């Protein structure tokens, strides 16, 4: 475990890491920026419960009062949920300034990977990763998540990249960074709200044991970077492709018209898509996070046996 002077590891998490037990990291942006209170707190606590029931230890990652937190108490999760968007969304470029100022920060996929790695946590469950935004050939809007996946040895379990993105270009960028994209039980990249994108992943793997073995081989060889496991949303919660794509296209057009850019664009698009789908996309989002937490726990458990 790290001796980073800015890092606090929650006692339950520290004990699990010392004992070699499976630990699964969770991000905090989904709490503060992903959905309204109290649904955000309820969802965050449910994800932690699912991980425990699956035989692993949850570690929700955040920054509170300038301290990097690997694991939160229920009271801290409640605090994050109530403050919501008042809390800064923090990527790699922000983390030093936020800590130096003693402020709070909601961790994205990027900063969750960073802090998890500092603490010695190798598995992370999220909803969807960031990626190459539509129109990036003009705007150069590419998520820092892709860079960190190429740098940090953490296995990230997601339901694909967020459907608001250019999924084809996101796959190309991951290939350039040397990040293996694994489809759990599928050869097709899932598209977050939908199980289908028409794009092919690098490898299909059908068990948590197989994924854990691949990650172990990657680490044993000293290869740089992480692995991306894409886990399709359960069929019963998947949205109709035409409905979700129409909502996304409208939300993207509105963001361009309103001049929304940078770190504000993803929260805007996800919230607007939820409005346009009458809340169905938010319900789907919650269910796919639960699904990913279960799979990440199974992979972490298999890895602990190696």
Foldseek 3Di string as FASTA:
>chain_A
DAPPVQEDEPPVRLVCVVVLFAEAEEFFLCQQLVDAPPVSLVLVVVLQVLLVVLRGGYFYWWAAQLHTYRHDDSVVSVVSNVCRPVAAADAPVCNVVCNVRRHIYTYALRVSLVNCVNSVHAEYEAEAHFAAAPPCVPVVDGDCNLVQQLAGAHEYEYQYHALLGDRVVRLVSNVVSVAAEEEAQDQARGHRLGGHDPHGGPYYDHALLVVLVVSVVCVVVVRGGYYYYHYHQPPVLHDDPVQLVVQSVVQVVVCVVVVPDDPPNVSSSSVSSCVSVVNSSVVSSSRRSSVRSSSSSRNSNSNSVD
